[in-house]
Amino acid sequence: MARITRKELKTDKFALEVEQTVDFFEEHRQDLVRYGGIALAVAVLIVGYTFYSRHQHAKREAALYHAIQVEEAPVGPPMPGQNINFPTQEAKDQVALKEFSDVYSAWPSSSEGEIAQYYIGSIYADEGKLAQAEKSFKEVAEKGNAQYASLAKLSLAQIYFADGRDSQGQAVLQELIDHPTIFVSKPQAQITLARFLMLKNPAEARKLLEPLRTQVGAVGQTALTLYAQLPPQ
C-alpha cells in the first residue's frame, strides 16, 4: 500500500474549529419572562442542565486541545521553552492516538469527537496503516456533520487512489465537487481529482483545470502548475 502523509490529507488546522456555545439566557429571555413563576421549576432544571452541558463542552475542548498539542509537539531533544516533546515520531504517535481515542470514546457524537476521529485517521494514514485510516475516516464521513464529513471524504478519496480503487476515489471527489463545503471547496476537489487523473486520463484532467487557471490566488497558481505538467494534446 502506498504511504500517504498528513500533508497530503489536508489536515489544515483552520478547518478544525470547535463550534461556539450559545448564551442560554439571551436565547430564552422572552420565554422566561412570558411564563414567569409557572415555568420557574422547569427553567431551573434547564439552566442546571445548560451549565452542565457547558462544563462538558469545556471539558471536550480542553481534552481535544491537549491532544492537538501532543500531535503538534516536536520530535527530538528537548529545547528551551518546550512543554511537550518526544524522542521519536513513533512515541509521539502512540501518545497522540491515545489522547484522540480518549476524546472520541468519551464524546463520540460531539464535534470534538469527530475532529479527534479525523486526527486518528490522519495518524494511521501517515503510518501507512490505510485500513485503519479508512475505518476512521468513514466514521466521520458517514456520521459527522457536513463540514467534517467533507474533510474525511477528501482523505478517503486519496486512500482509495493509493489503494488502486480509482473508481471509488473518483466517485467521492465528484460528490465533493457537486456538494462543496466551507472546508472542502469545489476548486479544491477539482484540483485533487485532476492531480490523480493527470497520467491516466489527461484529457479529463485538462477539462477540470482549464477553468481554474484564471482564478486569483493559490487555486489559479496550482491549476497553472498542474496544467503545465500535462502531456501535450
Protein backbone atom coordinates (compact mmCIF):
# COMPACT_ATOMS: atom_id res chain seq x y z
CA MET A 1 0.00 0.00 0.00
CA ALA A 2 1.22 3.49 -0.82
CA ARG A 3 2.12 5.78 2.03
CA ILE A 4 0.03 8.91 2.47
CA THR A 5 1.27 11.77 4.62
CA ARG A 6 -0.79 14.10 6.75
CA LYS A 7 0.19 16.96 4.46
CA GLU A 8 -1.50 15.15 1.58
CA LEU A 9 -4.57 14.56 3.71
CA LYS A 10 -5.02 18.32 4.15
CA THR A 11 -5.22 18.34 7.93
CA ASP A 12 -5.31 22.14 7.96
CA LYS A 13 -5.90 23.48 11.43
CA PHE A 14 -8.19 26.24 10.12
CA ALA A 15 -10.66 23.50 9.24
CA LEU A 16 -10.67 22.03 12.74
CA GLU A 17 -12.61 24.63 14.72
CA VAL A 18 -14.94 23.69 17.55
CA GLU A 19 -18.45 25.15 17.44
CA GLN A 20 -19.25 28.05 19.75
CA THR A 21 -21.77 27.76 22.61
CA VAL A 22 -24.97 29.84 22.62
CA ASP A 23 -25.88 32.08 25.55
CA PHE A 24 -28.88 30.37 27.16
CA PHE A 25 -30.33 33.42 28.87
CA GLU A 26 -30.23 35.58 25.74
CA GLU A 27 -31.87 32.88 23.64
CA HIS A 28 -34.63 32.10 26.17
CA ARG A 29 -35.15 35.55 27.73
CA GLN A 30 -38.68 36.03 26.28
CA ASP A 31 -39.86 32.58 27.34
CA LEU A 32 -38.65 33.11 30.92
CA VAL A 33 -40.46 36.47 31.14
CA ARG A 34 -43.63 35.11 29.50
CA TYR A 35 -44.12 32.10 31.77
CA GLY A 36 -42.67 33.58 34.96
CA GLY A 37 -43.28 31.56 38.11
CA ILE A 38 -45.25 28.81 36.35
CA ALA A 39 -42.17 27.69 34.47
CA LEU A 40 -39.70 28.55 37.19
CA ALA A 41 -39.05 24.95 38.24
CA VAL A 42 -38.56 23.89 34.61
CA ALA A 43 -36.33 26.89 33.97
CA VAL A 44 -34.14 25.97 36.93
CA LEU A 45 -33.76 22.46 35.59
CA ILE A 46 -32.94 23.73 32.11
CA VAL A 47 -30.40 26.20 33.44
CA GLY A 48 -28.84 23.47 35.56
CA TYR A 49 -28.57 21.22 32.52
CA THR A 50 -27.16 24.09 30.45
CA PHE A 51 -24.39 24.74 32.96
CA TYR A 52 -23.62 21.02 33.00
CA SER A 53 -23.57 20.96 29.20
CA ARG A 54 -21.24 23.94 29.10
CA HIS A 55 -18.98 22.27 31.62
CA GLN A 56 -18.93 19.17 29.45
CA HIS A 57 -18.28 21.33 26.37
CA ALA A 58 -15.33 22.97 28.11
CA LYS A 59 -14.01 19.53 29.08
CA ARG A 60 -14.29 18.35 25.48
CA GLU A 61 -12.50 21.42 24.17
CA ALA A 62 -9.73 21.09 26.75
CA ALA A 63 -9.22 17.40 26.02
CA LEU A 64 -9.13 17.98 22.26
CA TYR A 65 -6.80 20.95 22.65
CA HIS A 66 -4.36 18.87 24.69
CA ALA A 67 -4.47 16.06 22.12
CA ILE A 68 -3.68 18.53 19.33
CA GLN A 69 -0.81 19.92 21.41
CA VAL A 70 0.62 16.41 21.58
CA GLU A 71 0.12 15.94 17.85
CA GLU A 72 1.95 19.20 17.10
CA ALA A 73 4.74 18.63 19.62
CA PRO A 74 8.29 18.50 18.21
CA VAL A 75 10.32 15.31 17.91
CA GLY A 76 13.90 15.32 19.12
CA PRO A 77 15.97 16.56 22.06
CA PRO A 78 14.18 18.97 24.45
CA MET A 79 14.57 22.65 23.64
CA PRO A 80 14.16 25.63 26.00
CA GLY A 81 10.55 26.74 26.28
CA GLN A 82 9.05 23.46 25.04
CA ASN A 83 6.36 21.99 27.26
CA ILE A 84 5.98 18.77 25.28
CA ASN A 85 8.40 16.90 23.07
CA PHE A 86 9.04 13.29 22.10
CA PRO A 87 12.22 11.31 21.33
CA THR A 88 10.71 9.68 18.21
CA GLN A 89 7.74 10.08 15.89
CA GLU A 90 6.54 6.63 16.89
CA ALA A 91 6.46 7.61 20.56
CA LYS A 92 4.52 10.77 19.74
CA ASP A 93 2.02 8.90 17.57
CA GLN A 94 1.31 6.41 20.35
CA VAL A 95 0.50 9.16 22.84
CA ALA A 96 -1.47 11.18 20.29
CA LEU A 97 -3.56 8.16 19.31
CA LYS A 98 -4.33 7.52 22.97
CA GLU A 99 -5.33 11.16 23.54
CA PHE A 100 -7.56 11.39 20.47
CA SER A 101 -9.06 7.96 21.15
CA ASP A 102 -9.98 9.06 24.67
CA VAL A 103 -11.74 12.14 23.30
CA TYR A 104 -13.64 10.11 20.74
CA SER A 105 -14.59 7.39 23.23
CA ALA A 106 -15.89 9.91 25.75
CA TRP A 107 -17.81 12.14 23.29
CA PRO A 108 -18.31 10.24 20.01
CA SER A 109 -21.28 12.34 18.84
CA SER A 110 -19.73 15.74 19.51
CA SER A 111 -17.78 17.98 17.13
CA GLU A 112 -14.71 17.37 19.26
CA GLY A 113 -15.20 13.63 18.89
CA GLU A 114 -15.48 13.97 15.11
CA ILE A 115 -12.29 16.03 14.96
CA ALA A 116 -10.49 13.51 17.16
CA GLN A 117 -11.58 10.64 14.92
CA TYR A 118 -10.35 12.57 11.89
CA TYR A 119 -6.94 13.03 13.51
CA ILE A 120 -6.83 9.33 14.33
CA GLY A 121 -7.31 8.54 10.67
CA SER A 122 -4.61 11.01 9.70
CA ILE A 123 -2.09 9.44 12.06
CA TYR A 124 -2.85 5.94 10.79
CA ALA A 125 -2.52 7.11 7.19
CA ASP A 126 0.81 8.76 7.97
CA GLU A 127 1.98 5.43 9.38
CA GLY A 128 0.89 3.64 6.21
CA LYS A 129 -1.94 1.82 8.01
CA LEU A 130 -4.51 2.58 5.35
CA ALA A 131 -7.11 0.06 6.50
CA GLN A 132 -7.29 1.63 9.97
CA ALA A 133 -7.21 5.11 8.45
CA GLU A 134 -10.07 4.26 6.12
CA LYS A 135 -12.17 3.00 9.01
CA SER A 136 -11.66 6.22 10.98
CA PHE A 137 -12.38 8.48 8.02
CA LYS A 138 -15.52 6.51 7.16
CA GLU A 139 -16.82 7.07 10.69
CA VAL A 140 -16.54 10.83 10.22
CA ALA A 141 -17.75 10.76 6.60
CA GLU A 142 -20.88 8.80 7.47
CA LYS A 143 -21.76 10.18 10.90
CA GLY A 144 -20.14 13.62 11.17
CA ASN A 145 -21.65 16.96 10.22
CA ALA A 146 -21.31 18.09 6.61
CA GLN A 147 -18.16 20.13 7.18
CA TYR A 148 -16.06 17.50 8.94
CA ALA A 149 -17.55 14.77 6.74
CA SER A 150 -16.25 16.58 3.65
CA LEU A 151 -12.71 16.59 5.05
CA ALA A 152 -12.98 12.87 5.77
CA LYS A 153 -14.27 12.20 2.26
CA LEU A 154 -11.35 14.12 0.75
CA SER A 155 -8.97 11.93 2.72
CA LEU A 156 -10.91 8.78 1.85
CA ALA A 157 -10.61 9.57 -1.86
CA GLN A 158 -6.83 9.76 -1.55
CA ILE A 159 -6.75 6.44 0.27
CA TYR A 160 -8.87 4.86 -2.46
CA PHE A 161 -6.50 6.10 -5.14
CA ALA A 162 -3.44 4.97 -3.18
CA ASP A 163 -5.03 1.52 -2.80
CA GLY A 164 -5.89 1.21 -6.50
CA ARG A 165 -9.63 1.80 -6.07
CA ASP A 166 -9.77 4.57 -8.64
CA SER A 167 -13.49 4.42 -9.36
CA GLN A 168 -14.31 4.85 -5.66
CA GLY A 169 -11.90 7.75 -5.37
CA GLN A 170 -13.38 9.48 -8.39
CA ALA A 171 -16.92 8.97 -7.11
CA VAL A 172 -16.10 10.53 -3.75
CA LEU A 173 -14.37 13.52 -5.31
CA GLN A 174 -17.21 14.04 -7.76
CA GLU A 175 -19.58 14.12 -4.80
CA LEU A 176 -17.43 16.83 -3.21
CA ILE A 177 -17.38 18.77 -6.48
CA ASP A 178 -21.17 18.61 -6.65
CA HIS A 179 -21.62 19.39 -2.94
CA PRO A 180 -18.74 21.59 -1.71
CA THR A 181 -18.45 22.85 1.87
CA ILE A 182 -16.57 25.65 3.58
CA PHE A 183 -13.86 23.12 4.46
CA VAL A 184 -13.57 21.50 1.02
CA SER A 185 -14.31 23.89 -1.83
CA LYS A 186 -15.30 22.86 -5.33
CA PRO A 187 -11.92 24.01 -6.78
CA GLN A 188 -10.04 22.02 -4.14
CA ALA A 189 -11.96 18.86 -5.03
CA GLN A 190 -11.45 19.54 -8.75
CA ILE A 191 -7.70 20.01 -8.33
CA THR A 192 -7.44 16.86 -6.21
CA LEU A 193 -9.26 14.85 -8.87
CA ALA A 194 -7.22 16.40 -11.68
CA ARG A 195 -4.00 15.51 -9.89
CA PHE A 196 -4.96 11.84 -9.89
CA LEU A 197 -6.20 11.88 -13.48
CA MET A 198 -3.13 13.55 -14.97
CA LEU A 199 -1.47 10.31 -16.08
CA LYS A 200 -4.46 8.02 -16.57
CA ASN A 201 -6.85 10.47 -18.19
CA PRO A 202 -5.04 13.73 -19.06
CA ALA A 203 -7.92 14.93 -21.25
CA GLU A 204 -10.32 14.83 -18.30
CA ALA A 205 -7.71 16.44 -16.02
CA ARG A 206 -7.33 19.24 -18.57
CA LYS A 207 -11.10 19.86 -18.51
CA LEU A 208 -11.02 20.18 -14.73
CA LEU A 209 -8.03 22.52 -14.66
CA GLU A 210 -8.89 24.72 -17.63
CA PRO A 211 -11.48 26.96 -15.90
CA LEU A 212 -9.38 27.22 -12.73
CA ARG A 213 -6.28 28.69 -14.37
CA THR A 214 -7.69 32.21 -14.40
CA GLN A 215 -8.64 32.27 -10.74
CA VAL A 216 -6.67 34.61 -8.50
CA GLY A 217 -4.57 33.17 -5.69
CA ALA A 218 -3.45 29.68 -4.75
CA VAL A 219 -6.14 27.91 -6.77
CA GLY A 220 -5.11 29.57 -10.01
CA GLN A 221 -1.39 29.07 -9.34
CA THR A 222 -1.85 25.38 -8.55
CA ALA A 223 -4.05 24.87 -11.61
CA LEU A 224 -1.44 26.54 -13.85
CA THR A 225 1.36 24.39 -12.40
CA LEU A 226 -0.57 21.15 -12.91
CA TYR A 227 -1.78 22.19 -16.36
CA ALA A 228 1.83 22.76 -17.46
CA GLN A 229 2.68 19.21 -16.35
CA LEU A 230 0.03 17.62 -18.59
CA PRO A 231 1.25 15.77 -21.68
CA PRO A 232 0.74 17.64 -24.99
CA GLN A 233 -2.59 17.12 -26.72
